[in-house]
Amino acid sequence: MATFTVTTFINRPLQEVFDFMSNPANFAQWQSGTKSAKWASERPIGVGSIFNSIGEMMGREMKMDLEITQWSPPTVWGIKGQSGPMKFEAISKFESKDGGTQVTQTFEGEVGGLFSIAEGLAIKQLQKQVETDGNALKKLLEAK
């Protein structure tokens, strides 16, 4: 099981960052590995809600159903993915800091299926992707 943490500072208000980042309909705008994502659960959203995501990792398409494991707007949201080749849990924490928002994302997971033979590479690629996606999110939100 691999763990890593990525921190990104976004010069936008806490609620705005949380609302944008926790809405799957926005994922494809800032997550390079996501083709599409949408809620599968009815509103209101909370712990146990499900969304579907179609993405790509190491050149292969991944379809995943993800479940909300923590939901405390606007400071914490957590998800877990148990379908697809990667089993993981991700927790995003949002903190007001220096007039903006510091986002700390912690991932813990393991790779299965065809990806398991290159688990170390897959995890490193995922960490790099999360860092790149955080920068894309920062650029997108700060341009508003």
C-alpha atoms as a PDB file:
ATOM      1  CA  MET A   1       0.000   0.000   0.000  1.00  0.00           C
ATOM      2  CA  ALA A   2       1.418   3.377  -1.044  1.00  0.00           C
ATOM      3  CA  THR A   3       0.717   6.764   0.538  1.00  0.00           C
ATOM      4  CA  PHE A   4       1.518  10.276  -0.607  1.00  0.00           C
ATOM      5  CA  THR A   5       0.419  13.835   0.149  1.00  0.00           C
ATOM      6  CA  VAL A   6       0.185  16.809  -2.204  1.00  0.00           C
ATOM      7  CA  THR A   7      -0.389  20.395  -1.017  1.00  0.00           C
ATOM      8  CA  THR A   8      -1.571  23.221  -3.283  1.00  0.00           C
ATOM      9  CA  PHE A   9      -2.221  26.854  -2.383  1.00  0.00           C
ATOM     10  CA  ILE A  10      -5.025  28.518  -4.369  1.00  0.00           C
ATOM     11  CA  ASN A  11      -5.582  32.251  -4.083  1.00  0.00           C
ATOM     12  CA  ARG A  12      -9.384  31.922  -3.922  1.00  0.00           C
ATOM     13  CA  PRO A  13     -11.888  31.716  -1.030  1.00  0.00           C
ATOM     14  CA  LEU A  14     -12.255  28.429   0.851  1.00  0.00           C
ATOM     15  CA  GLN A  15     -15.907  27.777  -0.055  1.00  0.00           C
ATOM     16  CA  GLU A  16     -15.302  28.440  -3.756  1.00  0.00           C
ATOM     17  CA  VAL A  17     -12.357  26.026  -3.890  1.00  0.00           C
ATOM     18  CA  PHE A  18     -14.226  23.319  -1.969  1.00  0.00           C
ATOM     19  CA  ASP A  19     -17.385  23.643  -4.088  1.00  0.00           C
ATOM     20  CA  PHE A  20     -15.496  23.477  -7.380  1.00  0.00           C
ATOM     21  CA  MET A  21     -13.098  20.708  -6.393  1.00  0.00           C
ATOM     22  CA  SER A  22     -15.716  18.434  -4.812  1.00  0.00           C
ATOM     23  CA  ASN A  23     -18.078  18.541  -7.814  1.00  0.00           C
ATOM     24  CA  PRO A  24     -17.379  15.630 -10.207  1.00  0.00           C
ATOM     25  CA  ALA A  25     -18.922  17.603 -13.095  1.00  0.00           C
ATOM     26  CA  ASN A  26     -15.825  19.859 -12.903  1.00  0.00           C
ATOM     27  CA  PHE A  27     -13.168  17.116 -12.796  1.00  0.00           C
ATOM     28  CA  ALA A  28     -12.432  16.972 -16.533  1.00  0.00           C
ATOM     29  CA  GLN A  29     -11.644  20.712 -16.460  1.00  0.00           C
ATOM     30  CA  TRP A  30      -8.636  20.245 -14.183  1.00  0.00           C
ATOM     31  CA  GLN A  31      -7.835  16.540 -13.827  1.00  0.00           C
ATOM     32  CA  SER A  32      -5.726  15.432 -16.775  1.00  0.00           C
ATOM     33  CA  GLY A  33      -6.576  11.755 -16.270  1.00  0.00           C
ATOM     34  CA  THR A  34     -10.352  12.277 -16.119  1.00  0.00           C
ATOM     35  CA  LYS A  35     -12.465  12.139 -19.260  1.00  0.00           C
ATOM     36  CA  SER A  36     -15.798  12.509 -17.457  1.00  0.00           C
ATOM     37  CA  ALA A  37     -17.392  12.184 -14.036  1.00  0.00           C
ATOM     38  CA  LYS A  38     -20.925  12.595 -12.715  1.00  0.00           C
ATOM     39  CA  TRP A  39     -22.992  12.002  -9.624  1.00  0.00           C
ATOM     40  CA  ALA A  40     -24.814   8.670  -9.538  1.00  0.00           C
ATOM     41  CA  SER A  41     -26.530   9.503  -6.227  1.00  0.00           C
ATOM     42  CA  GLU A  42     -29.440  11.811  -5.596  1.00  0.00           C
ATOM     43  CA  ARG A  43     -28.936  15.049  -3.693  1.00  0.00           C
ATOM     44  CA  PRO A  44     -28.172  15.976  -0.990  1.00  0.00           C
ATOM     45  CA  ILE A  45     -24.598  14.767  -1.281  1.00  0.00           C
ATOM     46  CA  GLY A  46     -22.976  13.243   1.796  1.00  0.00           C
ATOM     47  CA  VAL A  47     -21.162  10.210   3.166  1.00  0.00           C
ATOM     48  CA  GLY A  48     -22.193   7.196   1.089  1.00  0.00           C
ATOM     49  CA  SER A  49     -22.975   9.194  -2.078  1.00  0.00           C
ATOM     50  CA  ILE A  50     -21.587   7.672  -5.287  1.00  0.00           C
ATOM     51  CA  PHE A  51     -20.187   9.188  -8.460  1.00  0.00           C
ATOM     52  CA  ASN A  52     -18.938   7.542 -11.642  1.00  0.00           C
ATOM     53  CA  SER A  53     -15.669   8.457 -13.304  1.00  0.00           C
ATOM     54  CA  ILE A  54     -14.078   7.523 -16.606  1.00  0.00           C
ATOM     55  CA  GLY A  55     -10.383   8.226 -16.806  1.00  0.00           C
ATOM     56  CA  GLU A  56      -7.068   7.069 -18.116  1.00  0.00           C
ATOM     57  CA  MET A  57      -3.913   5.808 -16.413  1.00  0.00           C
ATOM     58  CA  MET A  58      -0.768   4.652 -18.147  1.00  0.00           C
ATOM     59  CA  GLY A  59      -2.612   4.720 -21.481  1.00  0.00           C
ATOM     60  CA  ARG A  60      -5.479   2.508 -20.325  1.00  0.00           C
ATOM     61  CA  GLU A  61      -9.082   3.519 -19.759  1.00  0.00           C
ATOM     62  CA  MET A  62     -10.375   3.136 -16.213  1.00  0.00           C
ATOM     63  CA  LYS A  63     -14.026   3.182 -15.186  1.00  0.00           C
ATOM     64  CA  MET A  64     -14.601   3.611 -11.484  1.00  0.00           C
ATOM     65  CA  ASP A  65     -17.443   4.054  -9.042  1.00  0.00           C
ATOM     66  CA  LEU A  66     -16.311   6.249  -6.175  1.00  0.00           C
ATOM     67  CA  GLU A  67     -17.940   6.682  -2.784  1.00  0.00           C
ATOM     68  CA  ILE A  68     -17.866   9.706  -0.494  1.00  0.00           C
ATOM     69  CA  THR A  69     -16.294   8.613   2.817  1.00  0.00           C
ATOM     70  CA  GLN A  70     -15.981  12.029   4.469  1.00  0.00           C
ATOM     71  CA  TRP A  71     -18.122  15.093   3.830  1.00  0.00           C
ATOM     72  CA  SER A  72     -17.751  18.199   5.972  1.00  0.00           C
ATOM     73  CA  PRO A  73     -18.112  21.252   3.702  1.00  0.00           C
ATOM     74  CA  PRO A  74     -16.120  23.383   3.271  1.00  0.00           C
ATOM     75  CA  THR A  75     -13.160  21.778   5.070  1.00  0.00           C
ATOM     76  CA  VAL A  76     -12.979  18.045   4.269  1.00  0.00           C
ATOM     77  CA  TRP A  77     -14.107  15.586   1.665  1.00  0.00           C
ATOM     78  CA  GLY A  78     -12.920  12.023   1.228  1.00  0.00           C
ATOM     79  CA  ILE A  79     -13.516   9.409  -1.446  1.00  0.00           C
ATOM     80  CA  LYS A  80     -12.712   5.777  -1.955  1.00  0.00           C
ATOM     81  CA  GLY A  81     -12.517   3.796  -5.118  1.00  0.00           C
ATOM     82  CA  GLN A  82     -12.965   0.047  -4.920  1.00  0.00           C
ATOM     83  CA  SER A  83     -13.777  -0.733  -8.549  1.00  0.00           C
ATOM     84  CA  GLY A  84     -11.272  -0.728 -11.364  1.00  0.00           C
ATOM     85  CA  PRO A  85      -7.563  -1.521 -11.232  1.00  0.00           C
ATOM     86  CA  MET A  86      -6.742   0.831  -8.365  1.00  0.00           C
ATOM     87  CA  LYS A  87      -8.138   0.581  -4.843  1.00  0.00           C
ATOM     88  CA  PHE A  88      -7.621   3.829  -2.968  1.00  0.00           C
ATOM     89  CA  GLU A  89      -8.841   6.369  -0.477  1.00  0.00           C
ATOM     90  CA  ALA A  90      -8.221  10.082  -0.929  1.00  0.00           C
ATOM     91  CA  ILE A  91      -8.881  12.787   1.639  1.00  0.00           C
ATOM     92  CA  SER A  92      -8.823  16.458   0.690  1.00  0.00           C
ATOM     93  CA  LYS A  93      -8.568  19.038   3.474  1.00  0.00           C
ATOM     94  CA  PHE A  94      -9.206  22.735   2.877  1.00  0.00           C
ATOM     95  CA  GLU A  95      -7.826  25.473   5.115  1.00  0.00           C
ATOM     96  CA  SER A  96      -8.102  29.271   4.875  1.00  0.00           C
ATOM     97  CA  LYS A  97      -4.576  30.630   4.682  1.00  0.00           C
ATOM     98  CA  ASP A  98      -3.036  33.957   3.656  1.00  0.00           C
ATOM     99  CA  GLY A  99      -6.245  35.166   1.997  1.00  0.00           C
ATOM    100  CA  GLY A 100      -6.625  31.985  -0.040  1.00  0.00           C
ATOM    101  CA  THR A 101      -7.065  28.248   0.437  1.00  0.00           C
ATOM    102  CA  GLN A 102      -4.506  25.575   1.151  1.00  0.00           C
ATOM    103  CA  VAL A 103      -5.615  22.187  -0.166  1.00  0.00           C
ATOM    104  CA  THR A 104      -3.898  19.103   1.249  1.00  0.00           C
ATOM    105  CA  GLN A 105      -4.679  15.845  -0.545  1.00  0.00           C
ATOM    106  CA  THR A 106      -3.611  12.535   0.969  1.00  0.00           C
ATOM    107  CA  PHE A 107      -3.839   9.342  -1.093  1.00  0.00           C
ATOM    108  CA  GLU A 108      -3.482   5.777   0.116  1.00  0.00           C
ATOM    109  CA  GLY A 109      -3.897   2.937  -2.301  1.00  0.00           C
ATOM    110  CA  GLU A 110      -2.744  -0.123  -4.117  1.00  0.00           C
ATOM    111  CA  VAL A 111      -2.725  -1.126  -7.733  1.00  0.00           C
ATOM    112  CA  GLY A 112      -4.185  -4.370  -9.017  1.00  0.00           C
ATOM    113  CA  GLY A 113      -4.749  -6.120 -12.311  1.00  0.00           C
ATOM    114  CA  LEU A 114      -2.337  -5.398 -15.145  1.00  0.00           C
ATOM    115  CA  PHE A 115      -1.037  -2.339 -13.290  1.00  0.00           C
ATOM    116  CA  SER A 116       0.261  -4.435 -10.352  1.00  0.00           C
ATOM    117  CA  ILE A 117       3.413  -5.434 -12.236  1.00  0.00           C
ATOM    118  CA  ALA A 118       4.354  -1.761 -12.365  1.00  0.00           C
ATOM    119  CA  GLU A 119       2.829  -0.624  -9.050  1.00  0.00           C
ATOM    120  CA  GLY A 120       5.743   1.642  -8.109  1.00  0.00           C
ATOM    121  CA  LEU A 121       5.630   3.352 -11.495  1.00  0.00           C
ATOM    122  CA  ALA A 122       1.846   3.657 -11.386  1.00  0.00           C
ATOM    123  CA  ILE A 123       1.900   5.281  -7.920  1.00  0.00           C
ATOM    124  CA  LYS A 124       4.670   7.692  -8.937  1.00  0.00           C
ATOM    125  CA  GLN A 125       2.730   8.601 -12.075  1.00  0.00           C
ATOM    126  CA  LEU A 126      -0.412   9.139  -9.992  1.00  0.00           C
ATOM    127  CA  GLN A 127       1.450  11.410  -7.564  1.00  0.00           C
ATOM    128  CA  LYS A 128       2.887  13.447 -10.435  1.00  0.00           C
ATOM    129  CA  GLN A 129      -0.567  13.639 -12.008  1.00  0.00           C
ATOM    130  CA  VAL A 130      -2.115  14.876  -8.731  1.00  0.00           C
ATOM    131  CA  GLU A 131       0.600  17.558  -8.471  1.00  0.00           C
ATOM    132  CA  THR A 132       0.020  18.607 -12.099  1.00  0.00           C
ATOM    133  CA  ASP A 133      -3.752  18.582 -11.593  1.00  0.00           C
ATOM    134  CA  GLY A 134      -3.394  20.748  -8.462  1.00  0.00           C
ATOM    135  CA  ASN A 135      -1.463  23.298 -10.504  1.00  0.00           C
ATOM    136  CA  ALA A 136      -4.119  23.183 -13.238  1.00  0.00           C
ATOM    137  CA  LEU A 137      -6.854  23.721 -10.620  1.00  0.00           C
ATOM    138  CA  LYS A 138      -4.907  26.652  -9.171  1.00  0.00           C
ATOM    139  CA  LYS A 139      -4.490  28.251 -12.587  1.00  0.00           C
ATOM    140  CA  LEU A 140      -8.152  27.695 -13.515  1.00  0.00           C
ATOM    141  CA  LEU A 141      -9.618  29.087 -10.280  1.00  0.00           C
ATOM    142  CA  GLU A 142      -7.201  31.996  -9.965  1.00  0.00           C
ATOM    143  CA  ALA A 143      -8.083  33.096 -13.513  1.00  0.00           C
ATOM    144  CA  LYS A 144     -11.705  33.707 -12.414  1.00  0.00           C
END
